[in-house]
Protein backbone atom coordinates (compact mmCIF):
# COMPACT_ATOMS: atom_id res chain seq x y z
CA UNK A 1 11.80 -2.02 12.88
CA UNK A 2 13.39 1.12 14.24
CA UNK A 3 11.74 4.51 13.87
CA UNK A 4 14.65 5.60 11.68
CA UNK A 5 13.14 3.42 8.95
CA UNK A 6 9.93 5.47 8.84
CA UNK A 7 10.87 8.00 6.20
CA UNK A 8 8.38 10.61 4.92
CA UNK A 9 8.62 9.17 1.40
CA UNK A 10 7.60 5.75 2.68
CA UNK A 11 4.64 7.21 4.54
CA UNK A 12 3.59 8.97 1.35
CA UNK A 13 3.77 5.67 -0.53
CA UNK A 14 1.63 3.83 2.02
CA UNK A 15 -0.87 6.70 1.97
CA UNK A 16 -1.08 6.39 -1.81
CA UNK A 17 -1.76 2.66 -1.47
CA UNK A 18 -4.42 3.30 1.18
CA UNK A 19 -6.12 5.88 -1.04
CA UNK A 20 -6.06 3.50 -4.00
CA UNK A 21 -7.53 0.72 -1.86
CA UNK A 22 -10.28 3.06 -0.66
CA UNK A 23 -11.55 3.74 -4.18
CA UNK A 24 -15.01 2.40 -5.15
CA UNK A 25 -15.02 -1.27 -6.08
CA UNK A 26 -16.27 -0.76 -9.64
CA UNK A 27 -12.96 0.94 -10.47
CA UNK A 28 -10.89 -1.98 -9.25
CA UNK A 29 -11.85 -5.57 -8.61
CA UNK A 30 -9.62 -7.54 -6.20
CA UNK A 31 -9.12 -10.16 -8.92
CA UNK A 32 -7.31 -7.64 -11.08
CA UNK A 33 -3.66 -8.71 -11.51
CA UNK A 34 -2.39 -5.14 -11.03
CA UNK A 35 -4.30 -4.82 -7.75
CA UNK A 36 -2.86 -8.11 -6.51
CA UNK A 37 0.61 -6.76 -7.20
CA UNK A 38 -0.16 -3.44 -5.47
CA UNK A 39 -1.63 -5.19 -2.45
CA UNK A 40 1.40 -7.47 -2.20
CA UNK A 41 3.73 -4.45 -2.11
CA UNK A 42 1.43 -2.59 0.26
CA UNK A 43 1.60 -5.46 2.74
CA UNK A 44 5.38 -5.68 2.38
CA UNK A 45 5.82 -1.96 3.03
CA UNK A 46 3.37 -1.86 5.93
CA UNK A 47 5.00 -4.88 7.57
CA UNK A 48 8.34 -3.06 7.40
CA UNK A 49 6.76 -0.04 9.09
CA UNK A 50 5.51 -2.07 12.06
């Protein structure tokens, strides 16, 4: 991807996902359906940023 794709909003979104993923495990188990959905989008967004 070109650098033009790396918008500040997108970086903010990925930072939010990283912060959510860094939370203690008792708050969020990986088996949680919502977390699966978040992780799926996180990977999609991060792969676009590469």
